[in-house]
Amino acid sequence: MRLRSLLVTVTAALAALPLLSAPASASSPTLWRLTDLAAQRVAIADQVAAAKYGTPSPIDDPAREQQIYDSVAARAPGLGLDPADAVRFFRAQIEANKLVQRGLYARWDAHPDQAPTTRPDLGQIRPVIDGLNTSLLTELAATVPVRAARSCPIRQRVTADVVDVLHRFDALHARALGEATSATCTAG
């Protein structure tokens, strides 16, 4: 089944290559880097879950989330972004991260032998997330034209499918990547 999915994705990517590929210039951005950064942020959710699992630290952290939203909203205008659009995109990133955490908690509760045996330091993970957030915000600004294009939804779908395969995501992480990229396009 996974091979068939890969073949479908590769076929779709090849068919959409004219939509996805563009000369490497500022005037014709693609969604590759933005989507890959979102995938990296999805992947780091595993470490966040391992750091919090079995502790009183909740998955939902409204104070931390609000800090991210406030920071994004404050930095957006300087990058030529609408603050509400930037916050909407980052809300999707955070929801994707929580989706992974909840999925892993459920998996570990059902299969304790799969639970992490070491607890990463959340204080060391957060700066990595902050760096990804900065890169995501920069890339969000660099992709304004392609995100506003009518072709954005198909470009995003194909790009996310290929990035999913390249990261070798399982179903949980693939679903989270879909959530993370759900607010990419601004064309409606």
C-alpha atoms as a PDB file:
ATOM      1  CA  MET A   1       0.000   0.000   0.000  1.00  0.00           C
ATOM      2  CA  ARG A   2       2.838   2.417   0.836  1.00  0.00           C
ATOM      3  CA  LEU A   3       4.492   1.664  -2.534  1.00  0.00           C
ATOM      4  CA  ARG A   4       1.261   2.460  -4.360  1.00  0.00           C
ATOM      5  CA  SER A   5       0.957   5.717  -2.445  1.00  0.00           C
ATOM      6  CA  LEU A   6       4.531   6.578  -3.359  1.00  0.00           C
ATOM      7  CA  LEU A   7       3.875   5.849  -7.029  1.00  0.00           C
ATOM      8  CA  VAL A   8       0.748   8.003  -7.013  1.00  0.00           C
ATOM      9  CA  THR A   9       2.653  10.834  -5.345  1.00  0.00           C
ATOM     10  CA  VAL A  10       5.600  10.614  -7.749  1.00  0.00           C
ATOM     11  CA  THR A  11       3.235  10.506 -10.724  1.00  0.00           C
ATOM     12  CA  ALA A  12       1.356  13.536  -9.408  1.00  0.00           C
ATOM     13  CA  ALA A  13       4.608  15.351  -8.769  1.00  0.00           C
ATOM     14  CA  LEU A  14       5.833  14.675 -12.288  1.00  0.00           C
ATOM     15  CA  ALA A  15       2.528  15.793 -13.752  1.00  0.00           C
ATOM     16  CA  ALA A  16       2.633  18.956 -11.676  1.00  0.00           C
ATOM     17  CA  LEU A  17       6.315  19.662 -12.265  1.00  0.00           C
ATOM     18  CA  PRO A  18       5.568  22.713 -14.393  1.00  0.00           C
ATOM     19  CA  LEU A  19       3.565  24.101 -11.459  1.00  0.00           C
ATOM     20  CA  LEU A  20       6.218  23.271  -8.882  1.00  0.00           C
ATOM     21  CA  SER A  21       9.463  24.039 -10.603  1.00  0.00           C
ATOM     22  CA  ALA A  22      10.587  27.523 -11.248  1.00  0.00           C
ATOM     23  CA  PRO A  23      13.883  29.249 -11.775  1.00  0.00           C
ATOM     24  CA  ALA A  24      15.636  29.917  -8.495  1.00  0.00           C
ATOM     25  CA  SER A  25      14.896  33.608  -8.213  1.00  0.00           C
ATOM     26  CA  ALA A  26      13.137  35.886  -5.811  1.00  0.00           C
ATOM     27  CA  SER A  27      10.488  36.648  -8.433  1.00  0.00           C
ATOM     28  CA  SER A  28       9.341  33.044  -8.707  1.00  0.00           C
ATOM     29  CA  PRO A  29       9.343  31.343  -5.307  1.00  0.00           C
ATOM     30  CA  THR A  30       8.157  27.794  -4.717  1.00  0.00           C
ATOM     31  CA  LEU A  31       6.622  26.146  -1.666  1.00  0.00           C
ATOM     32  CA  TRP A  32       9.392  23.592  -1.171  1.00  0.00           C
ATOM     33  CA  ARG A  33      11.342  25.315   1.587  1.00  0.00           C
ATOM     34  CA  LEU A  34       8.228  26.484   3.453  1.00  0.00           C
ATOM     35  CA  THR A  35       6.762  22.984   3.374  1.00  0.00           C
ATOM     36  CA  ASP A  36      10.025  21.343   4.393  1.00  0.00           C
ATOM     37  CA  LEU A  37      10.368  23.727   7.336  1.00  0.00           C
ATOM     38  CA  ALA A  38       6.799  22.872   8.366  1.00  0.00           C
ATOM     39  CA  ALA A  39       7.768  19.183   8.147  1.00  0.00           C
ATOM     40  CA  GLN A  40      10.804  19.799  10.361  1.00  0.00           C
ATOM     41  CA  ARG A  41       8.546  21.500  12.885  1.00  0.00           C
ATOM     42  CA  VAL A  42       6.170  18.517  12.755  1.00  0.00           C
ATOM     43  CA  ALA A  43       9.084  16.141  13.339  1.00  0.00           C
ATOM     44  CA  ILE A  44      10.339  18.035  16.403  1.00  0.00           C
ATOM     45  CA  ALA A  45       6.945  17.446  18.031  1.00  0.00           C
ATOM     46  CA  ASP A  46       8.234  13.958  18.895  1.00  0.00           C
ATOM     47  CA  GLN A  47      10.860  15.507  21.166  1.00  0.00           C
ATOM     48  CA  VAL A  48       8.316  17.875  22.706  1.00  0.00           C
ATOM     49  CA  ALA A  49       6.010  14.922  23.416  1.00  0.00           C
ATOM     50  CA  ALA A  50       8.865  12.906  24.924  1.00  0.00           C
ATOM     51  CA  ALA A  51       9.821  15.863  27.119  1.00  0.00           C
ATOM     52  CA  LYS A  52       6.269  16.310  28.441  1.00  0.00           C
ATOM     53  CA  TYR A  53       5.016  12.707  28.592  1.00  0.00           C
ATOM     54  CA  GLY A  54       4.477  11.507  32.139  1.00  0.00           C
ATOM     55  CA  THR A  55       4.963  14.985  33.601  1.00  0.00           C
ATOM     56  CA  PRO A  56       2.457  17.600  34.728  1.00  0.00           C
ATOM     57  CA  SER A  57       3.332  19.689  31.614  1.00  0.00           C
ATOM     58  CA  PRO A  58       0.204  19.821  29.467  1.00  0.00           C
ATOM     59  CA  ILE A  59       0.156  19.472  25.708  1.00  0.00           C
ATOM     60  CA  ASP A  60      -1.801  22.718  25.440  1.00  0.00           C
ATOM     61  CA  ASP A  61       0.287  25.665  26.588  1.00  0.00           C
ATOM     62  CA  PRO A  62      -1.802  28.784  25.944  1.00  0.00           C
ATOM     63  CA  ALA A  63       0.816  31.156  27.384  1.00  0.00           C
ATOM     64  CA  ARG A  64       3.588  29.812  25.123  1.00  0.00           C
ATOM     65  CA  GLU A  65       1.236  29.755  22.132  1.00  0.00           C
ATOM     66  CA  GLN A  66       0.237  33.383  22.730  1.00  0.00           C
ATOM     67  CA  GLN A  67       3.906  34.380  22.923  1.00  0.00           C
ATOM     68  CA  ILE A  68       4.423  32.878  19.470  1.00  0.00           C
ATOM     69  CA  TYR A  69       1.312  34.553  18.040  1.00  0.00           C
ATOM     70  CA  ASP A  70       2.285  37.924  19.507  1.00  0.00           C
ATOM     71  CA  SER A  71       5.839  37.636  18.182  1.00  0.00           C
ATOM     72  CA  VAL A  72       4.657  36.616  14.712  1.00  0.00           C
ATOM     73  CA  ALA A  73       2.061  39.404  14.592  1.00  0.00           C
ATOM     74  CA  ALA A  74       4.654  41.983  15.654  1.00  0.00           C
ATOM     75  CA  ARG A  75       7.265  40.837  13.101  1.00  0.00           C
ATOM     76  CA  ALA A  76       4.882  40.277  10.173  1.00  0.00           C
ATOM     77  CA  PRO A  77       4.475  43.888   8.962  1.00  0.00           C
ATOM     78  CA  GLY A  78       8.246  44.352   8.751  1.00  0.00           C
ATOM     79  CA  LEU A  79       8.332  41.417   6.361  1.00  0.00           C
ATOM     80  CA  GLY A  80       5.417  42.645   4.287  1.00  0.00           C
ATOM     81  CA  LEU A  81       2.993  40.126   5.767  1.00  0.00           C
ATOM     82  CA  ASP A  82      -0.505  40.597   7.051  1.00  0.00           C
ATOM     83  CA  PRO A  83      -0.300  39.857  10.803  1.00  0.00           C
ATOM     84  CA  ALA A  84      -3.604  37.945  10.810  1.00  0.00           C
ATOM     85  CA  ASP A  85      -2.414  35.756   7.911  1.00  0.00           C
ATOM     86  CA  ALA A  86       0.884  35.041   9.670  1.00  0.00           C
ATOM     87  CA  VAL A  87      -0.872  34.162  12.932  1.00  0.00           C
ATOM     88  CA  ARG A  88      -3.298  31.895  11.032  1.00  0.00           C
ATOM     89  CA  PHE A  89      -0.324  30.053   9.496  1.00  0.00           C
ATOM     90  CA  PHE A  90       1.408  29.667  12.865  1.00  0.00           C
ATOM     91  CA  ARG A  91      -1.798  28.524  14.530  1.00  0.00           C
ATOM     92  CA  ALA A  92      -1.763  25.638  12.019  1.00  0.00           C
ATOM     93  CA  GLN A  93       1.869  24.872  12.967  1.00  0.00           C
ATOM     94  CA  ILE A  94       1.001  24.719  16.654  1.00  0.00           C
ATOM     95  CA  GLU A  95      -2.122  22.624  16.098  1.00  0.00           C
ATOM     96  CA  ALA A  96      -0.064  20.192  13.988  1.00  0.00           C
ATOM     97  CA  ASN A  97       2.478  19.917  16.802  1.00  0.00           C
ATOM     98  CA  LYS A  98      -0.268  19.195  19.328  1.00  0.00           C
ATOM     99  CA  LEU A  99      -1.808  16.624  16.978  1.00  0.00           C
ATOM    100  CA  VAL A 100       1.506  14.718  16.997  1.00  0.00           C
ATOM    101  CA  GLN A 101       1.843  15.019  20.772  1.00  0.00           C
ATOM    102  CA  ARG A 102      -1.686  13.687  21.357  1.00  0.00           C
ATOM    103  CA  GLY A 103      -1.132  10.864  18.884  1.00  0.00           C
ATOM    104  CA  LEU A 104       2.132   9.847  20.517  1.00  0.00           C
ATOM    105  CA  TYR A 105       0.606  10.015  24.002  1.00  0.00           C
ATOM    106  CA  ALA A 106      -2.179   7.695  22.854  1.00  0.00           C
ATOM    107  CA  ARG A 107       0.348   5.338  21.263  1.00  0.00           C
ATOM    108  CA  TRP A 108       2.535   5.292  24.365  1.00  0.00           C
ATOM    109  CA  ASP A 109      -0.440   4.805  26.678  1.00  0.00           C
ATOM    110  CA  ALA A 110      -1.586   1.847  24.564  1.00  0.00           C
ATOM    111  CA  HIS A 111       1.936   0.444  24.161  1.00  0.00           C
ATOM    112  CA  PRO A 112       4.034   1.425  27.187  1.00  0.00           C
ATOM    113  CA  ASP A 113       7.009  -0.472  25.777  1.00  0.00           C
ATOM    114  CA  GLN A 114       7.161   2.171  22.990  1.00  0.00           C
ATOM    115  CA  ALA A 115       7.201   5.120  25.416  1.00  0.00           C
ATOM    116  CA  PRO A 116      10.413   7.131  25.560  1.00  0.00           C
ATOM    117  CA  THR A 117      12.911   5.980  28.149  1.00  0.00           C
ATOM    118  CA  THR A 118      14.684   9.342  28.308  1.00  0.00           C
ATOM    119  CA  ARG A 119      13.170  12.788  28.658  1.00  0.00           C
ATOM    120  CA  PRO A 120      14.645  15.509  26.424  1.00  0.00           C
ATOM    121  CA  ASP A 121      15.078  18.948  27.967  1.00  0.00           C
ATOM    122  CA  LEU A 122      12.264  21.191  26.738  1.00  0.00           C
ATOM    123  CA  GLY A 123      14.548  24.162  27.418  1.00  0.00           C
ATOM    124  CA  GLN A 124      16.877  22.889  24.679  1.00  0.00           C
ATOM    125  CA  ILE A 125      14.065  22.053  22.252  1.00  0.00           C
ATOM    126  CA  ARG A 126      12.309  25.437  22.387  1.00  0.00           C
ATOM    127  CA  PRO A 127      15.226  27.394  20.872  1.00  0.00           C
ATOM    128  CA  VAL A 128      15.199  24.959  17.948  1.00  0.00           C
ATOM    129  CA  ILE A 129      11.463  25.570  17.529  1.00  0.00           C
ATOM    130  CA  ASP A 130      12.064  29.326  17.778  1.00  0.00           C
ATOM    131  CA  GLY A 131      14.664  29.053  15.007  1.00  0.00           C
ATOM    132  CA  LEU A 132      12.247  27.094  12.842  1.00  0.00           C
ATOM    133  CA  ASN A 133       9.577  29.713  13.530  1.00  0.00           C
ATOM    134  CA  THR A 134      11.925  32.484  12.382  1.00  0.00           C
ATOM    135  CA  SER A 135      12.761  30.556   9.214  1.00  0.00           C
ATOM    136  CA  LEU A 136       9.089  29.797   8.596  1.00  0.00           C
ATOM    137  CA  LEU A 137       8.153  33.460   8.967  1.00  0.00           C
ATOM    138  CA  THR A 138      10.920  34.520   6.580  1.00  0.00           C
ATOM    139  CA  GLU A 139       9.863  31.897   4.053  1.00  0.00           C
ATOM    140  CA  LEU A 140       6.218  32.861   4.470  1.00  0.00           C
ATOM    141  CA  ALA A 141       7.209  36.370   3.367  1.00  0.00           C
ATOM    142  CA  ALA A 142       9.288  35.046   0.469  1.00  0.00           C
ATOM    143  CA  THR A 143       6.372  33.008  -0.863  1.00  0.00           C
ATOM    144  CA  VAL A 144       3.620  35.633  -0.799  1.00  0.00           C
ATOM    145  CA  PRO A 145       3.119  35.579  -4.602  1.00  0.00           C
ATOM    146  CA  VAL A 146       2.874  31.787  -4.906  1.00  0.00           C
ATOM    147  CA  ARG A 147       0.690  31.521  -1.795  1.00  0.00           C
ATOM    148  CA  ALA A 148      -1.718  34.077  -3.276  1.00  0.00           C
ATOM    149  CA  ALA A 149      -1.878  32.365  -6.687  1.00  0.00           C
ATOM    150  CA  ARG A 150      -4.950  30.395  -7.713  1.00  0.00           C
ATOM    151  CA  SER A 151      -2.647  27.414  -8.326  1.00  0.00           C
ATOM    152  CA  CYS A 152      -1.446  27.425  -4.703  1.00  0.00           C
ATOM    153  CA  PRO A 153      -3.749  24.679  -3.389  1.00  0.00           C
ATOM    154  CA  ILE A 154      -2.568  22.130  -5.979  1.00  0.00           C
ATOM    155  CA  ARG A 155       1.042  23.208  -5.622  1.00  0.00           C
ATOM    156  CA  GLN A 156       0.789  22.865  -1.849  1.00  0.00           C
ATOM    157  CA  ARG A 157      -0.889  19.475  -1.994  1.00  0.00           C
ATOM    158  CA  VAL A 158       1.719  17.986  -4.329  1.00  0.00           C
ATOM    159  CA  THR A 159       4.593  19.609  -2.453  1.00  0.00           C
ATOM    160  CA  ALA A 160       3.291  18.310   0.885  1.00  0.00           C
ATOM    161  CA  ASP A 161       2.858  14.804  -0.552  1.00  0.00           C
ATOM    162  CA  VAL A 162       6.439  14.731  -1.827  1.00  0.00           C
ATOM    163  CA  VAL A 163       7.860  16.241   1.391  1.00  0.00           C
ATOM    164  CA  ASP A 164       5.882  13.632   3.365  1.00  0.00           C
ATOM    165  CA  VAL A 165       7.535  10.847   1.365  1.00  0.00           C
ATOM    166  CA  LEU A 166      10.991  12.418   1.648  1.00  0.00           C
ATOM    167  CA  HIS A 167      10.632  12.668   5.440  1.00  0.00           C
ATOM    168  CA  ARG A 168       9.239   9.122   5.558  1.00  0.00           C
ATOM    169  CA  PHE A 169       6.392  10.208   7.798  1.00  0.00           C
ATOM    170  CA  ASP A 170       3.993   7.697   9.289  1.00  0.00           C
ATOM    171  CA  ALA A 171       0.235   8.339   9.119  1.00  0.00           C
ATOM    172  CA  LEU A 172       0.244  10.508  12.260  1.00  0.00           C
ATOM    173  CA  HIS A 173       3.008  12.788  11.042  1.00  0.00           C
ATOM    174  CA  ALA A 174       1.572  12.926   7.511  1.00  0.00           C
ATOM    175  CA  ARG A 175      -1.760  14.061   8.975  1.00  0.00           C
ATOM    176  CA  ALA A 176       0.097  16.662  11.051  1.00  0.00           C
ATOM    177  CA  LEU A 177       1.933  17.922   7.958  1.00  0.00           C
ATOM    178  CA  GLY A 178      -1.449  18.304   6.274  1.00  0.00           C
ATOM    179  CA  GLU A 179      -2.594  20.369   9.249  1.00  0.00           C
ATOM    180  CA  ALA A 180       0.609  22.416   9.287  1.00  0.00           C
ATOM    181  CA  THR A 181       0.261  23.293   5.598  1.00  0.00           C
ATOM    182  CA  SER A 182      -3.508  23.833   5.643  1.00  0.00           C
ATOM    183  CA  ALA A 183      -3.079  27.592   6.083  1.00  0.00           C
ATOM    184  CA  THR A 184      -0.366  28.050   3.465  1.00  0.00           C
ATOM    185  CA  CYS A 185      -2.458  29.433   0.632  1.00  0.00           C
ATOM    186  CA  THR A 186      -4.107  32.819   0.880  1.00  0.00           C
ATOM    187  CA  ALA A 187      -6.034  32.606  -2.397  1.00  0.00           C
ATOM    188  CA  GLY A 188      -9.590  31.652  -1.806  1.00  0.00           C
END
